[in-house]
Amino acid sequence: MKELICIVCPKGCRLRVDENDGYKVTGNTCPRGEEYGKMELTNPTRIITSTVAVRGAAHPRCPVKTTRPIPKGLIFEAMQTLDGLELTAPVALGQVAVANVCGTGADFVTTRALEAQGAAKEEMQ
């Protein structure tokens, strides 16, 4: 029997997952907790958040995240796809920084728009 704390919602239910009984989950207060408990033991996944360098913007880095969870075992390999990556301003919100990360079908996308440095000053004039 494995014990987990569900991270699907803020309740943080204390789950118990019985691997010997078809991954039966108890302790959950909603169906999402049951699904999370089973997946966490059979195929754990995570959404990855990070930052990438940006050239020509007021901020030197832009936050990115995967568009969907990827297998936990691929996290380090996925992070390596961001090593040395540099975007050029302007950067749009939701812009794909890395497509099909590690063949998972998930993309790294930007979670902030960044204007080219000086663009805001030019608009004001």
N, C-alpha and C. Protein backbone atom coordinates (compact mmCIF):
# COMPACT_ATOMS: atom_id res chain seq x y z
N MET A 1 0.85 -1.18 0.00
CA MET A 1 0.00 0.00 0.00
C MET A 1 0.89 1.23 0.00
N LYS A 2 0.64 2.13 -0.95
CA LYS A 2 1.37 3.39 -1.04
C LYS A 2 0.47 4.51 -0.57
N GLU A 3 1.06 5.49 0.10
CA GLU A 3 0.32 6.67 0.54
C GLU A 3 0.82 7.88 -0.22
N LEU A 4 -0.13 8.68 -0.72
CA LEU A 4 0.17 9.87 -1.51
C LEU A 4 -0.70 11.02 -1.04
N ILE A 5 -0.27 12.22 -1.32
CA ILE A 5 -1.12 13.38 -1.13
C ILE A 5 -1.51 13.85 -2.53
N CYS A 6 -2.80 13.92 -2.76
CA CYS A 6 -3.30 14.32 -4.07
C CYS A 6 -2.98 15.79 -4.32
N ILE A 7 -2.51 16.10 -5.53
CA ILE A 7 -2.15 17.47 -5.89
C ILE A 7 -3.06 18.05 -6.97
N VAL A 8 -4.16 17.36 -7.26
CA VAL A 8 -5.06 17.81 -8.32
C VAL A 8 -5.81 19.08 -7.93
N CYS A 9 -6.18 19.20 -6.67
CA CYS A 9 -6.89 20.40 -6.20
C CYS A 9 -6.33 20.81 -4.84
N PRO A 10 -6.73 21.94 -4.32
CA PRO A 10 -6.17 22.42 -3.05
C PRO A 10 -6.53 21.60 -1.81
N LYS A 11 -7.47 20.67 -1.89
CA LYS A 11 -7.86 19.88 -0.72
C LYS A 11 -6.70 19.04 -0.18
N GLY A 12 -5.88 18.49 -1.07
CA GLY A 12 -4.74 17.69 -0.63
C GLY A 12 -5.15 16.41 0.07
N CYS A 13 -6.07 15.67 -0.52
CA CYS A 13 -6.55 14.42 0.08
C CYS A 13 -5.38 13.45 0.29
N ARG A 14 -5.43 12.73 1.39
CA ARG A 14 -4.44 11.68 1.68
C ARG A 14 -4.94 10.39 1.05
N LEU A 15 -4.28 10.00 -0.02
CA LEU A 15 -4.69 8.81 -0.76
C LEU A 15 -3.91 7.58 -0.30
N ARG A 16 -4.58 6.46 -0.37
CA ARG A 16 -3.93 5.17 -0.17
C ARG A 16 -4.20 4.35 -1.42
N VAL A 17 -3.13 3.86 -2.04
CA VAL A 17 -3.27 3.11 -3.28
C VAL A 17 -2.76 1.70 -3.04
N ASP A 18 -3.64 0.73 -3.24
CA ASP A 18 -3.30 -0.68 -3.04
C ASP A 18 -2.87 -1.27 -4.38
N GLU A 19 -1.57 -1.45 -4.54
CA GLU A 19 -1.02 -2.00 -5.79
C GLU A 19 -1.44 -3.44 -6.01
N ASN A 20 -1.73 -4.15 -4.94
CA ASN A 20 -2.10 -5.57 -5.05
C ASN A 20 -3.58 -5.77 -5.34
N ASP A 21 -4.35 -4.72 -5.37
CA ASP A 21 -5.79 -4.81 -5.62
C ASP A 21 -6.16 -3.93 -6.82
N GLY A 22 -5.38 -4.06 -7.90
CA GLY A 22 -5.67 -3.31 -9.13
C GLY A 22 -5.55 -1.81 -8.97
N TYR A 23 -4.64 -1.38 -8.12
CA TYR A 23 -4.41 0.05 -7.87
C TYR A 23 -5.68 0.73 -7.34
N LYS A 24 -6.33 0.06 -6.42
CA LYS A 24 -7.54 0.62 -5.79
C LYS A 24 -7.13 1.80 -4.92
N VAL A 25 -7.85 2.92 -5.12
CA VAL A 25 -7.56 4.17 -4.42
C VAL A 25 -8.64 4.44 -3.38
N THR A 26 -8.21 4.77 -2.17
CA THR A 26 -9.12 5.19 -1.11
C THR A 26 -8.60 6.50 -0.52
N GLY A 27 -9.48 7.22 0.14
CA GLY A 27 -9.10 8.48 0.76
C GLY A 27 -9.40 9.69 -0.10
N ASN A 28 -9.78 9.47 -1.34
CA ASN A 28 -10.09 10.58 -2.25
C ASN A 28 -11.52 11.06 -2.01
N THR A 29 -11.74 12.36 -2.20
CA THR A 29 -13.08 12.90 -2.05
C THR A 29 -13.73 13.23 -3.39
N CYS A 30 -12.99 12.99 -4.48
CA CYS A 30 -13.57 13.20 -5.82
C CYS A 30 -12.95 12.20 -6.80
N PRO A 31 -13.57 12.01 -7.95
CA PRO A 31 -13.04 11.07 -8.95
C PRO A 31 -11.65 11.44 -9.47
N ARG A 32 -11.32 12.74 -9.46
CA ARG A 32 -10.00 13.16 -9.95
C ARG A 32 -8.89 12.62 -9.07
N GLY A 33 -9.16 12.49 -7.77
CA GLY A 33 -8.18 11.92 -6.85
C GLY A 33 -7.91 10.46 -7.15
N GLU A 34 -8.96 9.74 -7.49
CA GLU A 34 -8.80 8.33 -7.85
C GLU A 34 -7.94 8.19 -9.09
N GLU A 35 -8.22 9.01 -10.10
CA GLU A 35 -7.43 8.98 -11.33
C GLU A 35 -5.98 9.34 -11.06
N TYR A 36 -5.76 10.39 -10.26
CA TYR A 36 -4.40 10.81 -9.93
C TYR A 36 -3.64 9.70 -9.21
N GLY A 37 -4.25 9.06 -8.24
CA GLY A 37 -3.58 8.00 -7.48
C GLY A 37 -3.13 6.85 -8.37
N LYS A 38 -3.99 6.44 -9.27
CA LYS A 38 -3.63 5.35 -10.20
C LYS A 38 -2.50 5.76 -11.13
N MET A 39 -2.64 6.97 -11.71
CA MET A 39 -1.63 7.44 -12.66
C MET A 39 -0.28 7.66 -11.99
N GLU A 40 -0.29 8.14 -10.76
CA GLU A 40 0.97 8.44 -10.08
C GLU A 40 1.79 7.18 -9.85
N LEU A 41 1.14 6.06 -9.70
CA LEU A 41 1.88 4.81 -9.49
C LEU A 41 2.14 4.03 -10.78
N THR A 42 1.31 4.22 -11.79
CA THR A 42 1.50 3.46 -13.03
C THR A 42 2.24 4.23 -14.11
N ASN A 43 2.00 5.54 -14.20
CA ASN A 43 2.62 6.36 -15.24
C ASN A 43 2.68 7.82 -14.78
N PRO A 44 3.57 8.15 -13.83
CA PRO A 44 3.60 9.51 -13.30
C PRO A 44 4.02 10.53 -14.37
N THR A 45 3.32 11.65 -14.39
CA THR A 45 3.61 12.72 -15.35
C THR A 45 3.65 14.05 -14.61
N ARG A 46 4.28 15.03 -15.25
CA ARG A 46 4.38 16.37 -14.68
C ARG A 46 4.35 17.41 -15.79
N ILE A 47 3.79 18.57 -15.48
CA ILE A 47 3.94 19.75 -16.33
C ILE A 47 5.25 20.39 -15.89
N ILE A 48 6.07 20.79 -16.83
CA ILE A 48 7.37 21.38 -16.51
C ILE A 48 7.30 22.88 -16.75
N THR A 49 7.82 23.64 -15.80
CA THR A 49 7.95 25.08 -15.97
C THR A 49 9.42 25.45 -15.86
N SER A 50 9.82 26.44 -16.64
CA SER A 50 11.21 26.88 -16.62
C SER A 50 11.26 28.27 -17.24
N THR A 51 12.46 28.70 -17.61
CA THR A 51 12.64 29.96 -18.33
C THR A 51 13.65 29.75 -19.45
N VAL A 52 13.58 30.61 -20.46
CA VAL A 52 14.56 30.60 -21.54
C VAL A 52 15.09 32.02 -21.74
N ALA A 53 16.27 32.12 -22.30
CA ALA A 53 16.89 33.42 -22.56
C ALA A 53 16.14 34.14 -23.69
N VAL A 54 16.11 35.46 -23.58
CA VAL A 54 15.49 36.28 -24.63
C VAL A 54 16.46 37.41 -24.98
N ARG A 55 16.69 37.56 -26.26
CA ARG A 55 17.55 38.64 -26.75
C ARG A 55 16.69 39.80 -27.21
N GLY A 56 17.09 41.03 -26.82
CA GLY A 56 16.42 42.22 -27.32
C GLY A 56 15.17 42.62 -26.57
N ALA A 57 14.96 42.10 -25.35
CA ALA A 57 13.79 42.47 -24.55
C ALA A 57 14.25 43.14 -23.26
N ALA A 58 13.33 43.82 -22.60
CA ALA A 58 13.66 44.48 -21.33
C ALA A 58 13.99 43.44 -20.26
N HIS A 59 13.44 42.24 -20.39
CA HIS A 59 13.72 41.16 -19.43
C HIS A 59 14.60 40.12 -20.12
N PRO A 60 15.62 39.62 -19.44
CA PRO A 60 16.55 38.69 -20.08
C PRO A 60 16.02 37.26 -20.23
N ARG A 61 14.93 36.91 -19.50
CA ARG A 61 14.42 35.54 -19.56
C ARG A 61 12.90 35.58 -19.70
N CYS A 62 12.36 34.53 -20.30
CA CYS A 62 10.92 34.42 -20.50
C CYS A 62 10.46 33.08 -19.91
N PRO A 63 9.39 33.07 -19.12
CA PRO A 63 8.89 31.81 -18.57
C PRO A 63 8.24 30.95 -19.66
N VAL A 64 8.44 29.64 -19.52
CA VAL A 64 7.85 28.66 -20.44
C VAL A 64 7.27 27.50 -19.63
N LYS A 65 6.36 26.76 -20.25
CA LYS A 65 5.82 25.55 -19.63
C LYS A 65 5.40 24.58 -20.72
N THR A 66 5.27 23.31 -20.34
CA THR A 66 4.79 22.33 -21.30
C THR A 66 3.28 22.48 -21.43
N THR A 67 2.77 22.19 -22.62
CA THR A 67 1.34 22.33 -22.89
C THR A 67 0.52 21.23 -22.25
N ARG A 68 1.18 20.17 -21.84
CA ARG A 68 0.50 19.09 -21.13
C ARG A 68 1.56 18.31 -20.35
N PRO A 69 1.12 17.49 -19.41
CA PRO A 69 2.10 16.72 -18.63
C PRO A 69 2.89 15.76 -19.51
N ILE A 70 4.15 15.55 -19.14
CA ILE A 70 4.99 14.57 -19.83
C ILE A 70 5.44 13.54 -18.80
N PRO A 71 5.87 12.36 -19.26
CA PRO A 71 6.32 11.34 -18.30
C PRO A 71 7.44 11.87 -17.40
N LYS A 72 7.32 11.57 -16.13
CA LYS A 72 8.27 12.05 -15.13
C LYS A 72 9.70 11.64 -15.47
N GLY A 73 9.89 10.49 -16.07
CA GLY A 73 11.20 10.00 -16.44
C GLY A 73 11.88 10.81 -17.54
N LEU A 74 11.14 11.67 -18.22
CA LEU A 74 11.71 12.48 -19.30
C LEU A 74 12.01 13.92 -18.89
N ILE A 75 11.82 14.24 -17.61
CA ILE A 75 11.99 15.63 -17.17
C ILE A 75 13.39 16.16 -17.48
N PHE A 76 14.43 15.43 -17.12
CA PHE A 76 15.79 15.93 -17.35
C PHE A 76 16.10 16.07 -18.83
N GLU A 77 15.67 15.12 -19.63
CA GLU A 77 15.87 15.20 -21.08
C GLU A 77 15.11 16.40 -21.66
N ALA A 78 13.90 16.62 -21.17
CA ALA A 78 13.10 17.77 -21.64
C ALA A 78 13.79 19.08 -21.28
N MET A 79 14.32 19.15 -20.08
CA MET A 79 15.01 20.38 -19.66
C MET A 79 16.24 20.64 -20.52
N GLN A 80 16.89 19.59 -20.97
CA GLN A 80 18.07 19.76 -21.83
C GLN A 80 17.71 20.41 -23.16
N THR A 81 16.45 20.24 -23.61
CA THR A 81 16.05 20.88 -24.86
C THR A 81 16.02 22.40 -24.74
N LEU A 82 15.98 22.89 -23.50
CA LEU A 82 15.98 24.34 -23.27
C LEU A 82 17.38 24.92 -23.12
N ASP A 83 18.36 24.05 -22.87
CA ASP A 83 19.75 24.51 -22.69
C ASP A 83 20.22 25.23 -23.95
N GLY A 84 20.68 26.44 -23.77
CA GLY A 84 21.22 27.21 -24.90
C GLY A 84 20.17 27.83 -25.80
N LEU A 85 18.90 27.57 -25.55
CA LEU A 85 17.84 28.15 -26.38
C LEU A 85 17.72 29.64 -26.09
N GLU A 86 17.64 30.44 -27.14
CA GLU A 86 17.48 31.88 -26.98
C GLU A 86 16.42 32.37 -27.96
N LEU A 87 15.38 32.98 -27.41
CA LEU A 87 14.34 33.58 -28.24
C LEU A 87 14.73 35.02 -28.54
N THR A 88 14.15 35.58 -29.58
CA THR A 88 14.41 36.96 -29.94
C THR A 88 13.10 37.74 -29.80
N ALA A 89 13.16 38.87 -29.10
CA ALA A 89 11.98 39.71 -28.90
C ALA A 89 11.55 40.32 -30.23
N PRO A 90 10.27 40.54 -30.44
CA PRO A 90 9.19 40.35 -29.50
C PRO A 90 8.79 38.87 -29.37
N VAL A 91 8.31 38.53 -28.18
CA VAL A 91 7.87 37.18 -27.89
C VAL A 91 6.38 37.24 -27.58
N ALA A 92 5.58 36.40 -28.24
CA ALA A 92 4.13 36.39 -28.02
C ALA A 92 3.76 35.40 -26.92
N LEU A 93 2.72 35.70 -26.20
CA LEU A 93 2.18 34.77 -25.22
C LEU A 93 1.72 33.50 -25.94
N GLY A 94 2.16 32.34 -25.47
CA GLY A 94 1.77 31.08 -26.10
C GLY A 94 2.63 30.68 -27.28
N GLN A 95 3.67 31.43 -27.56
CA GLN A 95 4.57 31.11 -28.67
C GLN A 95 5.29 29.80 -28.38
N VAL A 96 5.38 28.92 -29.37
CA VAL A 96 6.07 27.64 -29.19
C VAL A 96 7.57 27.90 -29.17
N ALA A 97 8.20 27.49 -28.06
CA ALA A 97 9.65 27.62 -27.93
C ALA A 97 10.34 26.34 -28.37
N VAL A 98 9.76 25.19 -28.01
CA VAL A 98 10.25 23.87 -28.43
C VAL A 98 9.03 23.02 -28.75
N ALA A 99 8.96 22.52 -29.96
CA ALA A 99 7.82 21.69 -30.37
C ALA A 99 8.09 20.21 -30.06
N ASN A 100 7.04 19.49 -29.74
CA ASN A 100 7.09 18.03 -29.56
C ASN A 100 8.26 17.60 -28.66
N VAL A 101 8.26 18.10 -27.45
CA VAL A 101 9.34 17.83 -26.49
C VAL A 101 9.53 16.32 -26.29
N CYS A 102 10.70 15.84 -26.62
CA CYS A 102 11.08 14.43 -26.43
C CYS A 102 10.08 13.46 -27.06
N GLY A 103 9.42 13.89 -28.14
CA GLY A 103 8.48 13.03 -28.83
C GLY A 103 7.18 12.78 -28.07
N THR A 104 6.88 13.62 -27.08
CA THR A 104 5.69 13.42 -26.25
C THR A 104 4.43 14.06 -26.83
N GLY A 105 4.59 14.93 -27.83
CA GLY A 105 3.45 15.66 -28.35
C GLY A 105 3.21 16.96 -27.60
N ALA A 106 3.89 17.15 -26.48
CA ALA A 106 3.78 18.40 -25.71
C ALA A 106 4.79 19.40 -26.25
N ASP A 107 4.43 20.66 -26.20
CA ASP A 107 5.34 21.74 -26.60
C ASP A 107 5.71 22.56 -25.38
N PHE A 108 6.89 23.17 -25.41
CA PHE A 108 7.20 24.23 -24.46
C PHE A 108 6.67 25.50 -25.08
N VAL A 109 5.80 26.23 -24.37
CA VAL A 109 5.27 27.50 -24.86
C VAL A 109 5.57 28.60 -23.87
N THR A 110 5.64 29.81 -24.37
CA THR A 110 5.91 30.96 -23.50
C THR A 110 4.65 31.29 -22.71
N THR A 111 4.86 31.76 -21.49
CA THR A 111 3.72 32.12 -20.64
C THR A 111 3.71 33.61 -20.34
N ARG A 112 4.46 34.36 -21.13
CA ARG A 112 4.49 35.81 -21.00
C ARG A 112 4.85 36.42 -22.35
N ALA A 113 4.23 37.52 -22.68
CA ALA A 113 4.60 38.26 -23.88
C ALA A 113 5.69 39.27 -23.51
N LEU A 114 6.69 39.39 -24.35
CA LEU A 114 7.76 40.36 -24.13
C LEU A 114 7.94 41.19 -25.39
N GLU A 115 7.88 42.51 -25.23
CA GLU A 115 8.10 43.41 -26.35
C GLU A 115 9.59 43.53 -26.61
N ALA A 116 9.91 43.95 -27.81
CA ALA A 116 11.31 44.27 -28.12
C ALA A 116 11.70 45.49 -27.32
N GLN A 117 12.90 45.49 -26.82
CA GLN A 117 13.38 46.61 -26.01
C GLN A 117 13.28 47.89 -26.82
N GLY A 118 12.67 48.92 -26.24
CA GLY A 118 12.49 50.18 -26.94
C GLY A 118 11.15 50.28 -27.65
N ALA A 119 10.44 49.16 -27.84
CA ALA A 119 9.16 49.19 -28.57
C ALA A 119 8.13 50.01 -27.81
N ALA A 120 8.09 49.89 -26.49
CA ALA A 120 7.11 50.64 -25.70
C ALA A 120 7.40 52.13 -25.77
N LYS A 121 8.67 52.51 -25.79
CA LYS A 121 9.03 53.93 -25.87
C LYS A 121 8.62 54.49 -27.23
N GLU A 122 8.83 53.70 -28.29
CA GLU A 122 8.49 54.16 -29.63
C GLU A 122 6.98 54.38 -29.77
N GLU A 123 6.17 53.52 -29.11
CA GLU A 123 4.72 53.66 -29.20
C GLU A 123 4.23 54.91 -28.52
N MET A 124 4.93 55.35 -27.46
CA MET A 124 4.51 56.52 -26.72
C MET A 124 4.81 57.81 -27.47
N GLN A 125 5.75 57.80 -28.36
CA GLN A 125 6.14 59.02 -29.07
C GLN A 125 5.21 59.35 -30.20
